[in-house]
């Protein structure tokens, strides 16, 4: 590989990460480990010829349009030289081919880095270089933002460089409110680069071989991404690149995509067509981040000491100590850590930290010598329905949850409301009903199956006005079932029980991402006498699984109170 100018640069970067010479987060280390493993994989050929072409095009034709070096000297007009981590990305996405073919391995990429690391300009430079690389196929490259303004930044940077090259006259450039495009003939090929807003209702006829989706965290629904991805189906060597920083919506398309990509790096999901590169601060076991530690600053920012001034990021970190809102922004934008929306009542990291302490299986829980209490949220027959079992063992509260959804509405609901229903189904937390509405027999069947597994189910709470058929069906199967009206002062006790156990690190929910999703959507208002009234943060979000868990916790607490009263009575009313 000596003939390739950047091969040694990339390998040195990888080796420095893996040996600890260069500070990196867990995900970056995993990406480098994956690269090393892929080099030895016999089903792929590694040939960096295209990667070298792209790097050379960028470094020889692009210059900076603004900025300063760390010593204060201006960068405008200076060559746009890629950093080793950027070359690593390009080597990966363009270097691997299926054995004995010219078919590239990677069709999709997820790149997540904090702001001020040259992300937008890298997107622009990649768009230009990839268009030239694929010119013989008549390349069409889309730069897509959640809003046109985002995509315009990359587009304008390409136009700036065409002007610097003296090449503007050789291309048809349209740059107005209706269209932002660059079209031109190059030798036997052609290029078409266009900036678009992600508008799925107006983009069904798109056709491209490369797309760069910028600032994924701002995408409102998966459809904004998927409609662009669908536009590539006619091409064999297609490439969809998503570039983003962290956001503050853990129910977003971007966050769900992040979790999927982390599973690829972990090896728990196998997706050979998807390249993943993530830089972020590492989180502790309790979900917190040592955000004033310069080591974490360097882990998150691959351009630390290049475009990121260490003293500036430290100053921002110290300011964030005294300002919760600024701290949220600092964690998201400078350390690339997703944060919960301010409206959310719970800190999801507290739930995760508590849950991670335990690892009982369903089979192990069924054997515990304890009683279990049930809850069901049957609020809508055509929407998410949930059930829960709740028990306590050695002072640890345990919630086992399940949900149901009609399959006929699942695709629409997943896209419109951004609910990862199919991911929950794959993980075993949700069952798709084959009927247009929720079949309550499916919910009853779950309770029966749990009882058959060995769970001793004492009683089950639900709001009778939403499911009389469910009530009668549960009675027929010999369950003790109690009508529990949805009144906040009655539900407060179950809510507070869960809250306290989580804060004490004594709450386990079997690592259910469906349960976590609902927890993050809870908005609560404190009432008098320590009562709490809770609801959804947004109308399109769901809290049903959490609600079912509250119902179940209420039943357990009622039973405990009755037992205590009986104990006192037997002792003579102490």
Protein backbone atom coordinates (compact mmCIF):
# COMPACT_ATOMS: atom_id res chain seq x y z
CA UNK A 1 0.00 0.00 0.00
CA UNK A 2 3.05 2.23 -0.08
CA UNK A 3 1.95 3.80 -3.35
CA UNK A 4 -1.03 5.37 -1.61
CA UNK A 5 -0.02 8.66 -0.07
CA UNK A 6 -2.46 8.58 2.87
CA UNK A 7 -2.36 4.89 3.76
CA UNK A 8 0.30 5.36 6.45
CA UNK A 9 -1.52 8.39 7.84
CA UNK A 10 -4.72 6.38 8.27
CA UNK A 11 -2.97 3.34 9.74
CA UNK A 12 -1.03 5.51 12.19
CA UNK A 13 -4.31 7.13 13.29
CA UNK A 14 -5.88 3.71 13.86
CA UNK A 15 -2.85 2.34 15.72
CA UNK A 16 -2.60 5.44 17.92
CA UNK A 17 -6.26 5.05 18.89
CA UNK A 18 -5.94 1.33 19.63
CA UNK A 19 -2.72 1.66 21.63
CA UNK A 20 -4.00 4.60 23.66
CA UNK A 21 -1.45 7.08 22.28
CA UNK A 22 -4.39 9.13 21.09
CA UNK A 23 -7.30 9.74 23.45
CA UNK A 24 -10.60 8.42 22.10
CA UNK A 25 -14.07 7.43 23.28
CA UNK A 26 -15.40 3.89 23.31
CA UNK A 27 -17.23 4.25 19.96
CA UNK A 28 -14.15 5.61 18.14
CA UNK A 29 -12.06 2.72 19.48
CA UNK A 30 -14.72 0.28 18.29
CA UNK A 31 -14.70 1.86 14.81
CA UNK A 32 -10.92 1.39 14.60
CA UNK A 33 -11.20 -2.20 15.83
CA UNK A 34 -13.82 -2.85 13.18
CA UNK A 35 -11.54 -1.40 10.48
CA UNK A 36 -8.64 -3.66 11.50
CA UNK A 37 -10.93 -6.67 11.54
CA UNK A 38 -12.39 -5.75 8.12
CA UNK A 39 -8.90 -5.59 6.59
CA UNK A 40 -8.52 -9.30 7.38
CA UNK A 41 -12.01 -10.28 6.23
CA UNK A 42 -11.68 -12.57 3.17
CA UNK A 43 -15.06 -11.54 1.71
CA UNK A 44 -13.76 -8.00 1.04
CA UNK A 45 -11.02 -6.48 -1.05
CA UNK A 46 -9.41 -3.36 0.35
CA UNK A 47 -8.37 -0.88 -2.33
CA UNK A 48 -8.00 2.79 -1.32
CA UNK A 49 -7.70 4.04 -4.93
CA UNK A 50 -11.08 5.86 -4.86
CA UNK A 51 -10.42 7.12 -1.33
CA UNK A 52 -7.11 8.59 -2.46
CA UNK A 53 -8.80 10.25 -5.44
CA UNK A 54 -11.36 11.91 -3.14
CA UNK A 55 -8.75 13.06 -0.63
CA UNK A 56 -6.54 14.47 -3.39
CA UNK A 57 -9.47 16.29 -5.04
CA UNK A 58 -10.44 17.90 -1.75
CA UNK A 59 -6.92 18.93 -0.75
CA UNK A 60 -5.90 20.16 -4.21
CA UNK A 61 -9.04 22.03 -5.21
CA UNK A 62 -10.70 23.27 -1.99
CA UNK A 63 -9.62 26.17 0.20
CA UNK A 64 -10.99 27.62 3.43
CA UNK A 65 -13.56 30.40 3.10
CA UNK A 66 -13.09 31.68 6.65
CA UNK A 67 -11.62 30.94 10.07
CA UNK A 68 -8.35 31.28 11.95
CA UNK A 69 -5.59 28.97 13.09
CA UNK A 70 -5.05 28.59 16.81
CA UNK A 71 -2.24 31.17 16.56
CA UNK A 72 -4.69 33.72 15.13
CA UNK A 73 -3.47 33.72 11.51
CA UNK A 74 -6.31 33.73 8.91
CA UNK A 75 -7.31 30.56 7.06
CA UNK A 76 -9.27 32.08 4.19
CA UNK A 77 -7.75 31.00 0.89
CA UNK A 78 -5.52 28.37 2.51
CA UNK A 79 -5.77 24.73 1.25
CA UNK A 80 -8.46 22.61 2.91
CA UNK A 81 -6.29 19.86 4.38
CA UNK A 82 -8.08 16.88 5.87
CA UNK A 83 -7.28 15.64 9.36
CA UNK A 84 -6.36 11.96 9.93
CA UNK A 85 -9.84 11.15 11.32
CA UNK A 86 -11.44 12.55 8.16
CA UNK A 87 -9.12 10.47 5.98
CA UNK A 88 -10.01 7.45 8.12
CA UNK A 89 -13.70 7.98 7.32
CA UNK A 90 -13.02 8.31 3.58
CA UNK A 91 -10.76 5.24 3.55
CA UNK A 92 -13.55 3.22 5.13
CA UNK A 93 -16.52 4.28 3.04
CA UNK A 94 -14.65 4.07 -0.27
CA UNK A 95 -11.93 1.48 0.38
CA UNK A 96 -13.82 -1.80 0.84
CA UNK A 97 -15.21 -3.79 -2.09
CA UNK A 98 -16.95 -7.13 -2.32
CA UNK A 99 -14.33 -9.72 -3.27
CA UNK A 100 -13.41 -9.69 -6.94
CA UNK A 101 -15.86 -6.90 -7.87
CA UNK A 102 -16.04 -3.11 -8.17
CA UNK A 103 -19.09 -3.09 -5.89
CA UNK A 104 -18.46 -1.10 -2.74
CA UNK A 105 -19.28 -2.63 0.60
CA UNK A 106 -20.65 0.44 2.38
CA UNK A 107 -23.95 1.91 1.17
CA UNK A 108 -24.66 4.05 4.22
CA UNK A 109 -22.67 6.02 6.79
CA UNK A 110 -23.44 7.64 10.15
CA UNK A 111 -20.98 10.33 11.23
CA UNK A 112 -21.60 12.03 14.57
CA UNK A 113 -19.16 14.70 15.74
CA UNK A 114 -19.61 17.88 17.82
CA UNK A 115 -19.88 21.35 16.34
CA UNK A 116 -16.77 23.33 15.33
CA UNK A 117 -15.04 20.19 14.03
CA UNK A 118 -15.37 21.11 10.35
CA UNK A 119 -18.46 18.96 9.83
CA UNK A 120 -20.36 21.22 7.37
CA UNK A 121 -17.34 21.95 5.20
CA UNK A 122 -16.36 18.33 5.16
CA UNK A 123 -19.87 17.53 3.90
CA UNK A 124 -19.45 20.09 1.11
CA UNK A 125 -15.99 18.86 0.13
CA UNK A 126 -17.23 15.25 0.09
CA UNK A 127 -20.19 16.20 -2.11
CA UNK A 128 -17.86 17.82 -4.65
CA UNK A 129 -15.25 15.05 -4.65
CA UNK A 130 -17.81 12.21 -4.78
CA UNK A 131 -19.56 13.90 -7.68
CA UNK A 132 -16.27 13.92 -9.59
CA UNK A 133 -15.52 10.33 -8.58
CA UNK A 134 -18.83 9.09 -9.98
CA UNK A 135 -18.95 11.42 -12.99
CA UNK A 136 -18.88 8.59 -15.55
CA UNK A 137 -22.17 7.31 -14.09
CA UNK A 138 -23.68 10.76 -14.49
CA UNK A 139 -23.43 11.50 -10.78
CA UNK A 140 -26.23 13.22 -8.91
CA UNK A 141 -25.38 14.34 -5.40
CA UNK A 142 -27.93 15.77 -2.96
CA UNK A 143 -27.00 17.79 0.10
CA UNK A 144 -30.06 17.59 2.32
CA UNK A 145 -30.84 19.56 5.45
CA UNK A 146 -33.90 19.55 7.71
CA UNK A 147 -34.32 23.09 6.36
CA UNK A 148 -32.87 24.53 3.14
CA UNK A 149 -30.79 26.98 5.16
CA UNK A 150 -28.72 24.11 6.60
CA UNK A 151 -28.02 22.55 3.21
CA UNK A 152 -27.27 25.99 1.74
CA UNK A 153 -24.18 26.40 3.93
CA UNK A 154 -22.47 23.43 2.28
CA UNK A 155 -23.73 24.43 -1.17
CA UNK A 156 -22.43 27.99 -0.81
CA UNK A 157 -19.04 26.64 0.22
CA UNK A 158 -18.83 24.61 -3.02
CA UNK A 159 -19.81 27.69 -5.07
CA UNK A 160 -17.15 29.73 -3.24
CA UNK A 161 -14.51 27.17 -4.19
CA UNK A 162 -15.61 26.99 -7.83
CA UNK A 163 -15.11 30.74 -7.91
CA UNK A 164 -11.66 30.38 -6.32
CA UNK A 165 -10.73 27.75 -8.92
CA UNK A 166 -11.90 30.01 -11.75
CA UNK A 167 -14.33 27.26 -12.81
CA UNK A 168 -17.70 28.95 -12.24
CA UNK A 169 -18.14 29.68 -15.94
CA UNK A 170 -17.82 25.97 -16.79
CA UNK A 171 -20.91 25.03 -14.78
CA UNK A 172 -24.55 26.04 -14.79
CA UNK A 173 -25.10 27.37 -11.28
CA UNK A 174 -28.53 28.26 -9.94
CA UNK A 175 -28.53 29.81 -6.50
CA UNK A 176 -31.88 31.29 -5.56
CA UNK A 177 -34.80 30.60 -3.22
CA UNK A 178 -36.32 28.05 -5.63
CA UNK A 179 -33.24 26.11 -6.67
CA UNK A 180 -29.66 25.63 -5.56
CA UNK A 181 -27.86 23.44 -8.09
CA UNK A 182 -24.55 22.98 -9.91
CA UNK A 183 -24.63 21.13 -13.24
CA UNK A 184 -21.77 20.50 -15.65
CA UNK A 185 -20.14 18.19 -18.20
CA UNK A 186 -16.69 16.84 -17.33
CA UNK A 187 -15.00 14.84 -20.09
CA UNK A 188 -17.16 11.80 -20.79
CA UNK A 189 -19.15 12.31 -17.61
CA UNK A 190 -21.42 14.78 -15.88
CA UNK A 191 -22.15 16.03 -12.39
CA UNK A 192 -25.23 17.41 -10.69
CA UNK A 193 -25.00 18.77 -7.14
CA UNK A 194 -28.12 20.11 -5.49
CA UNK A 195 -29.04 21.44 -2.04
CA UNK A 196 -32.48 20.39 -0.78
CA UNK A 197 -34.67 20.70 2.27
CA UNK A 198 -35.87 17.33 3.55
CA UNK A 199 -39.48 17.53 2.39
CA UNK A 200 -40.83 14.00 1.79
CA UNK A 201 -44.15 15.24 0.37
CA UNK A 202 -42.40 16.89 -2.58
CA UNK A 203 -39.52 14.49 -3.26
CA UNK A 204 -41.01 11.26 -4.53
CA UNK A 205 -39.42 11.68 -7.97
CA UNK A 206 -35.83 12.22 -6.83
CA UNK A 207 -33.00 10.15 -8.28
CA UNK A 208 -29.40 10.23 -7.03
CA UNK A 209 -26.39 8.04 -6.32
CA UNK A 210 -24.92 10.05 -3.41
CA UNK A 211 -26.70 11.97 -0.66
CA UNK A 212 -25.41 13.77 2.39
CA UNK A 213 -28.02 14.32 5.08
CA UNK A 214 -26.76 17.14 7.27
CA UNK A 215 -27.72 17.74 10.93
CA UNK A 216 -29.80 14.60 11.32
CA UNK A 217 -30.80 15.61 14.85
CA UNK A 218 -33.07 18.29 13.35
CA UNK A 219 -35.04 15.79 11.20
CA UNK A 220 -38.61 15.56 12.46
CA UNK A 221 -39.40 12.09 11.09
CA UNK A 222 -37.67 9.06 9.53
CA UNK A 223 -39.51 9.78 6.28
CA UNK A 224 -37.34 12.88 5.70
CA UNK A 225 -34.33 10.57 5.58
CA UNK A 226 -35.91 7.54 3.95
CA UNK A 227 -37.32 9.39 0.94
CA UNK A 228 -33.76 10.37 -0.04
CA UNK A 229 -32.49 6.88 0.58
CA UNK A 230 -35.25 5.52 -1.66
CA UNK A 231 -34.05 7.81 -4.46
CA UNK A 232 -30.87 5.70 -4.77
CA UNK A 233 -32.37 2.34 -5.61
CA UNK A 234 -31.34 2.46 -9.28
CA UNK A 235 -27.62 2.53 -8.39
CA UNK A 236 -25.30 -0.27 -7.27
CA UNK A 237 -22.56 1.95 -5.83
CA UNK A 238 -24.79 4.30 -3.90
CA UNK A 239 -23.87 6.12 -0.71
CA UNK A 240 -26.10 7.75 1.91
CA UNK A 241 -24.12 9.75 4.48
CA UNK A 242 -25.77 11.10 7.64
CA UNK A 243 -23.78 13.77 9.51
CA UNK A 244 -24.92 15.23 12.82
CA UNK A 245 -24.24 16.44 16.33
CA UNK A 246 -26.25 15.32 19.35
CA UNK A 247 -29.66 16.83 20.08
CA UNK A 248 -32.03 17.01 23.04
CA UNK A 249 -34.83 14.75 21.81
CA UNK A 250 -34.33 11.13 22.77
CA UNK A 251 -37.44 10.14 20.86
CA UNK A 252 -36.13 11.47 17.57
CA UNK A 253 -35.18 9.62 14.40
CA UNK A 254 -31.55 10.62 14.94
CA UNK A 255 -31.39 9.23 18.48
CA UNK A 256 -32.93 5.94 17.40
CA UNK A 257 -30.45 5.78 14.52
CA UNK A 258 -27.62 6.48 16.99
CA UNK A 259 -28.71 3.57 19.21
CA UNK A 260 -28.83 1.30 16.16
CA UNK A 261 -25.34 2.37 15.06
CA UNK A 262 -23.94 1.84 18.56
CA UNK A 263 -25.26 -1.72 18.38
CA UNK A 264 -23.36 -2.18 15.10
CA UNK A 265 -20.14 -1.08 16.81
CA UNK A 266 -20.91 -3.30 19.82
CA UNK A 267 -21.42 -6.25 17.53
CA UNK A 268 -24.96 -6.88 18.81
CA UNK A 269 -26.37 -5.93 15.38
CA UNK A 270 -24.73 -7.12 12.16
CA UNK A 271 -24.99 -4.58 9.34
CA UNK A 272 -22.10 -4.93 6.93
CA UNK A 273 -23.30 -2.11 4.66
CA UNK A 274 -23.31 0.57 7.36
CA UNK A 275 -20.20 2.54 8.35
CA UNK A 276 -20.30 4.24 11.75
CA UNK A 277 -18.03 6.94 13.19
CA UNK A 278 -18.90 8.56 16.51
CA UNK A 279 -16.86 10.85 18.74
CA UNK A 280 -18.25 11.81 22.13
CA UNK A 281 -17.41 12.05 25.80
CA UNK A 282 -17.67 8.74 27.65
CA UNK A 283 -20.45 8.41 30.19
CA UNK A 284 -20.02 6.89 33.64
CA UNK A 285 -22.09 3.94 34.87
CA UNK A 286 -24.69 6.29 36.34
CA UNK A 287 -25.02 8.12 33.02
CA UNK A 288 -23.17 11.26 34.15
CA UNK A 289 -20.28 12.89 32.28
CA UNK A 290 -17.16 14.40 33.81
CA UNK A 291 -17.71 17.46 31.63
CA UNK A 292 -14.94 19.63 33.14
CA UNK A 293 -12.29 16.97 32.41
CA UNK A 294 -10.08 17.90 29.40
CA UNK A 295 -9.69 14.18 28.61
CA UNK A 296 -13.43 13.99 27.88
CA UNK A 297 -13.17 17.16 25.79
CA UNK A 298 -10.50 15.52 23.64
CA UNK A 299 -12.46 12.26 23.31
CA UNK A 300 -15.44 14.14 21.94
CA UNK A 301 -13.65 16.51 19.60
CA UNK A 302 -11.44 14.97 16.90
CA UNK A 303 -10.19 18.46 16.02
CA UNK A 304 -9.14 19.16 19.62
CA UNK A 305 -6.10 21.40 19.41
CA UNK A 306 -6.69 22.00 15.67
CA UNK A 307 -9.93 23.99 15.33
CA UNK A 308 -11.04 23.43 18.94
CA UNK A 309 -9.13 25.57 21.43
CA UNK A 310 -8.65 23.63 24.68
CA UNK A 311 -8.89 26.78 26.80
CA UNK A 312 -12.16 27.82 25.12
CA UNK A 313 -13.92 24.50 25.65
CA UNK A 314 -12.73 24.39 29.27
CA UNK A 315 -14.11 27.89 29.85
CA UNK A 316 -17.48 26.78 28.39
CA UNK A 317 -17.43 23.74 30.68
CA UNK A 318 -16.83 25.87 33.78
CA UNK A 319 -19.66 28.22 32.82
CA UNK A 320 -21.96 25.23 32.32
CA UNK A 321 -21.46 24.25 35.98
CA UNK A 322 -23.68 27.11 37.13
CA UNK A 323 -26.29 27.16 34.35
CA UNK A 324 -28.48 24.05 33.71
CA UNK A 325 -29.57 25.20 30.25
CA UNK A 326 -26.02 26.02 29.22
CA UNK A 327 -24.93 22.66 30.60
CA UNK A 328 -27.47 20.92 28.35
CA UNK A 329 -26.19 22.81 25.32
CA UNK A 330 -22.56 22.14 26.24
CA UNK A 331 -23.15 18.41 26.66
CA UNK A 332 -25.01 18.18 23.34
CA UNK A 333 -22.99 20.48 21.11
CA UNK A 334 -19.47 20.31 22.56
CA UNK A 335 -19.37 16.79 24.04
CA UNK A 336 -21.85 15.16 21.63
CA UNK A 337 -24.02 13.72 24.42
CA UNK A 338 -27.76 13.42 23.90
CA UNK A 339 -29.78 15.10 26.63
CA UNK A 340 -33.44 14.89 27.60
CA UNK A 341 -35.80 17.71 26.81
CA UNK A 342 -36.24 20.16 29.68
CA UNK A 343 -39.99 19.42 29.82
CA UNK A 344 -39.37 15.80 30.74
CA UNK A 345 -39.83 15.12 34.46
CA UNK A 346 -37.42 12.23 34.84
CA UNK A 347 -33.71 12.01 34.22
CA UNK A 348 -33.50 8.90 32.05
CA UNK A 349 -29.84 8.41 33.01
CA UNK A 350 -30.98 7.71 36.60
CA UNK A 351 -33.29 4.97 35.33
CA UNK A 352 -30.55 3.44 33.19
CA UNK A 353 -28.00 3.57 36.00
CA UNK A 354 -30.37 1.74 38.33
CA UNK A 355 -31.41 -0.81 35.70
CA UNK A 356 -27.80 -1.65 34.77
CA UNK A 357 -27.13 -2.88 38.33
CA UNK A 358 -29.26 -5.98 37.76
CA UNK A 359 -29.49 -8.65 35.09
CA UNK A 360 -32.19 -11.15 36.02
CA UNK A 361 -33.83 -13.02 33.16
CA UNK A 362 -37.58 -13.64 32.88
CA UNK A 363 -36.98 -17.27 33.83
CA UNK A 364 -35.02 -16.27 36.95
CA UNK A 365 -37.65 -13.70 37.99
CA UNK A 366 -40.42 -16.30 37.65
CA UNK A 367 -38.69 -18.44 40.29
CA UNK A 368 -38.46 -15.68 42.92
CA UNK A 369 -40.56 -16.42 46.04
CA UNK A 370 -42.61 -13.23 45.77
CA UNK A 371 -46.06 -12.06 44.67
CA UNK A 372 -46.50 -10.00 41.51
CA UNK A 373 -49.02 -7.29 40.77
CA UNK A 374 -50.35 -6.34 37.38
CA UNK A 375 -51.36 -3.17 35.58
CA UNK A 376 -52.84 -2.48 32.16
CA UNK A 377 -53.29 0.71 30.16
CA UNK A 378 -56.07 0.10 27.64
CA UNK A 379 -56.86 3.70 26.82
CA UNK A 380 -57.26 3.33 23.04
CA UNK A 381 -58.17 0.26 21.01
CA UNK A 382 -56.40 1.60 17.87
CA UNK A 383 -53.22 2.72 19.57
CA UNK A 384 -50.49 1.58 21.94
CA UNK A 385 -51.72 -0.69 24.72
CA UNK A 386 -49.48 -1.78 27.57
CA UNK A 387 -49.33 -4.20 30.48
CA UNK A 388 -46.95 -4.63 33.39
CA UNK A 389 -46.07 -6.92 36.27
CA UNK A 390 -44.58 -5.34 39.37
CA UNK A 391 -42.84 -6.98 42.30
CA UNK A 392 -40.26 -6.31 44.99
CA UNK A 393 -37.42 -8.60 46.04
CA UNK A 394 -34.78 -7.78 48.66
CA UNK A 395 -35.94 -4.15 48.55
CA UNK A 396 -35.48 -4.00 44.71
CA UNK A 397 -38.58 -3.12 42.68
CA UNK A 398 -38.91 -4.96 39.38
CA UNK A 399 -41.13 -4.00 36.43
CA UNK A 400 -41.79 -6.42 33.56
CA UNK A 401 -43.60 -4.68 30.72
CA UNK A 402 -45.10 -5.49 27.33
CA UNK A 403 -46.98 -3.52 24.67
CA UNK A 404 -49.29 -4.15 21.71
CA UNK A 405 -50.05 -2.25 18.53
CA UNK A 406 -52.25 -2.94 15.46
CA UNK A 407 -49.95 -3.83 12.56
CA UNK A 408 -52.16 -2.08 9.97
CA UNK A 409 -51.36 1.30 11.51
CA UNK A 410 -47.79 0.57 12.64
CA UNK A 411 -45.85 1.85 9.61
CA UNK A 412 -47.77 5.14 9.54
CA UNK A 413 -47.51 5.67 13.29
CA UNK A 414 -43.80 4.81 13.33
CA UNK A 415 -43.08 7.39 10.63
CA UNK A 416 -45.47 10.16 11.64
CA UNK A 417 -44.91 10.06 15.39
CA UNK A 418 -41.36 8.68 15.32
CA UNK A 419 -42.09 5.68 17.56
CA UNK A 420 -39.65 2.77 17.06
CA UNK A 421 -42.41 0.13 17.10
CA UNK A 422 -40.60 -2.35 14.87
CA UNK A 423 -37.41 -2.12 16.90
CA UNK A 424 -39.43 -2.90 20.04
CA UNK A 425 -40.99 -5.85 18.24
CA UNK A 426 -37.55 -7.18 17.27
CA UNK A 427 -36.35 -6.84 20.87
CA UNK A 428 -39.41 -8.65 22.26
CA UNK A 429 -41.02 -5.69 24.05
CA UNK A 430 -44.01 -5.35 21.72
CA UNK A 431 -46.43 -7.61 19.86
CA UNK A 432 -48.07 -6.54 16.60
CA UNK A 433 -51.78 -7.38 16.55
CA UNK A 434 -53.08 -8.76 13.26
CA UNK A 435 -56.39 -6.94 13.75
CA UNK A 436 -57.27 -3.28 12.92
CA UNK A 437 -57.70 -2.60 16.64
CA UNK A 438 -56.08 -3.98 19.77
CA UNK A 439 -57.38 -7.44 20.52
CA UNK A 440 -57.63 -7.55 24.31
CA UNK A 441 -57.43 -11.34 24.13
CA UNK A 442 -53.73 -10.83 23.26
CA UNK A 443 -53.23 -8.87 26.48
CA UNK A 444 -55.07 -11.51 28.51
CA UNK A 445 -52.97 -14.21 26.85
CA UNK A 446 -49.78 -12.42 28.02
CA UNK A 447 -50.91 -12.45 31.66
CA UNK A 448 -51.87 -16.13 31.31
CA UNK A 449 -48.47 -16.95 29.80
CA UNK A 450 -46.66 -15.09 32.59
CA UNK A 451 -48.66 -17.03 35.17
CA UNK A 452 -47.86 -20.29 33.37
CA UNK A 453 -44.14 -19.40 33.51
CA UNK A 454 -44.38 -19.37 37.30
CA UNK A 455 -45.24 -15.77 38.23
CA UNK A 456 -47.58 -15.66 41.24
CA UNK A 457 -49.91 -12.83 40.21
CA UNK A 458 -51.94 -11.48 43.13
CA UNK A 459 -54.13 -8.82 41.52
CA UNK A 460 -54.24 -6.55 38.48
CA UNK A 461 -55.33 -2.92 38.23
CA UNK A 462 -56.80 -1.08 35.24
CA UNK A 463 -59.39 1.56 34.38
CA UNK A 464 -62.58 -0.44 33.75
CA UNK A 465 -64.28 2.19 31.58
CA UNK A 466 -61.69 1.54 28.83
CA UNK A 467 -62.01 -2.24 28.66
CA UNK A 468 -65.08 -4.10 29.95
CA UNK A 469 -64.28 -7.03 27.63
CA UNK A 470 -60.79 -7.18 29.13
CA UNK A 471 -62.31 -7.18 32.64
CA UNK A 472 -64.63 -10.10 31.88
CA UNK A 473 -61.89 -12.02 30.04
CA UNK A 474 -59.47 -11.68 32.96
CA UNK A 475 -62.21 -12.83 35.37
CA UNK A 476 -62.82 -15.90 33.19
CA UNK A 477 -59.14 -16.77 33.52
CA UNK A 478 -59.41 -16.49 37.31
CA UNK A 479 -57.40 -13.30 37.79
CA UNK A 480 -58.17 -10.93 40.64
CA UNK A 481 -58.72 -7.65 38.89
CA UNK A 482 -59.45 -4.25 40.42
CA UNK A 483 -61.01 -1.20 38.80
CA UNK A 484 -58.53 1.67 39.22
CA UNK A 485 -59.84 5.02 37.93
CA UNK A 486 -57.28 7.33 36.30
CA UNK A 487 -57.30 9.93 39.05
CA UNK A 488 -53.99 11.66 39.69
CA UNK A 489 -54.24 11.57 43.49
CA UNK A 490 -54.66 7.77 43.33
CA UNK A 491 -51.82 7.29 40.82
CA UNK A 492 -49.40 9.58 42.69
CA UNK A 493 -48.45 6.88 45.18
CA UNK A 494 -47.34 4.47 42.44
CA UNK A 495 -45.54 7.30 40.63
CA UNK A 496 -43.63 8.33 43.77
CA UNK A 497 -42.72 4.73 44.57
CA UNK A 498 -41.05 4.30 41.18
CA UNK A 499 -39.35 7.70 41.45
CA UNK A 500 -37.86 6.90 44.86
CA UNK A 501 -36.68 3.42 43.90
CA UNK A 502 -34.95 4.78 40.80
CA UNK A 503 -33.12 7.45 42.79
CA UNK A 504 -32.05 4.79 45.30
CA UNK A 505 -30.73 2.58 42.49
CA UNK A 506 -33.22 -0.15 43.35
CA UNK A 507 -35.40 -0.31 40.26
CA UNK A 508 -35.05 -2.88 37.46
CA UNK A 509 -37.00 -3.01 34.17
CA UNK A 510 -35.03 -5.63 32.19
CA UNK A 511 -33.28 -3.04 30.02
CA UNK A 512 -36.47 -2.33 28.06
CA UNK A 513 -35.97 0.50 25.57
CA UNK A 514 -39.75 0.66 25.11
CA UNK A 515 -40.15 1.43 28.83
CA UNK A 516 -37.36 4.05 28.60
CA UNK A 517 -39.10 5.71 25.65
CA UNK A 518 -42.28 6.19 27.70
CA UNK A 519 -40.40 7.41 30.77
CA UNK A 520 -38.79 10.17 28.71
CA UNK A 521 -42.21 11.39 27.60
CA UNK A 522 -43.58 11.98 31.10
CA UNK A 523 -44.34 15.56 32.04
CA UNK A 524 -45.31 15.97 35.69
CA UNK A 525 -46.75 18.82 37.74
CA UNK A 526 -46.33 18.83 41.50
CA UNK A 527 -49.59 19.12 43.44
CA UNK A 528 -50.36 19.64 47.12
CA UNK A 529 -49.59 16.95 49.71
CA UNK A 530 -46.77 15.51 47.58
CA UNK A 531 -49.25 14.38 44.91
CA UNK A 532 -48.24 14.60 41.27
CA UNK A 533 -50.25 14.93 38.07
CA UNK A 534 -48.53 13.58 34.99
CA UNK A 535 -49.20 13.54 31.25
CA UNK A 536 -47.40 13.34 27.89
CA UNK A 537 -44.80 16.00 27.03
CA UNK A 538 -46.14 16.13 23.45
CA UNK A 539 -49.50 14.88 22.06
CA UNK A 540 -47.82 12.53 19.56
CA UNK A 541 -45.69 10.83 22.23
CA UNK A 542 -46.66 7.81 24.36
CA UNK A 543 -46.44 7.06 28.08
CA UNK A 544 -48.66 3.97 28.11
CA UNK A 545 -45.99 1.49 29.27
CA UNK A 546 -45.04 3.75 32.16
CA UNK A 547 -48.74 4.21 32.99
CA UNK A 548 -49.29 0.45 33.13
CA UNK A 549 -46.30 0.19 35.47
CA UNK A 550 -47.80 2.84 37.77
CA UNK A 551 -51.08 0.87 37.87
CA UNK A 552 -49.14 -2.25 38.85
CA UNK A 553 -47.12 -0.43 41.52
CA UNK A 554 -50.39 0.90 42.98
CA UNK A 555 -51.71 -2.65 43.39
CA UNK A 556 -48.55 -3.72 45.19
CA UNK A 557 -48.69 -0.76 47.55
CA UNK A 558 -52.38 -1.40 48.33
CA UNK A 559 -51.59 -5.00 49.17
CA UNK A 560 -48.65 -3.94 51.38
CA UNK A 561 -50.88 -1.45 53.22
CA UNK A 562 -53.57 -4.10 53.81
CA UNK A 563 -50.93 -6.52 55.12
CA UNK A 564 -49.63 -3.87 57.51
CA UNK A 565 -53.14 -3.11 58.80
CA UNK A 566 -53.78 -6.81 59.34
CA UNK A 567 -50.48 -7.18 61.18
CA UNK A 568 -51.35 -4.29 63.48
CA UNK A 569 -54.84 -5.68 64.14
CA UNK A 570 -53.46 -9.12 65.05
CA UNK A 571 -51.04 -7.43 67.45
CA UNK A 572 -53.88 -5.65 69.19
CA UNK A 573 -53.94 -2.43 67.23
CA UNK A 574 -50.38 -1.24 67.84
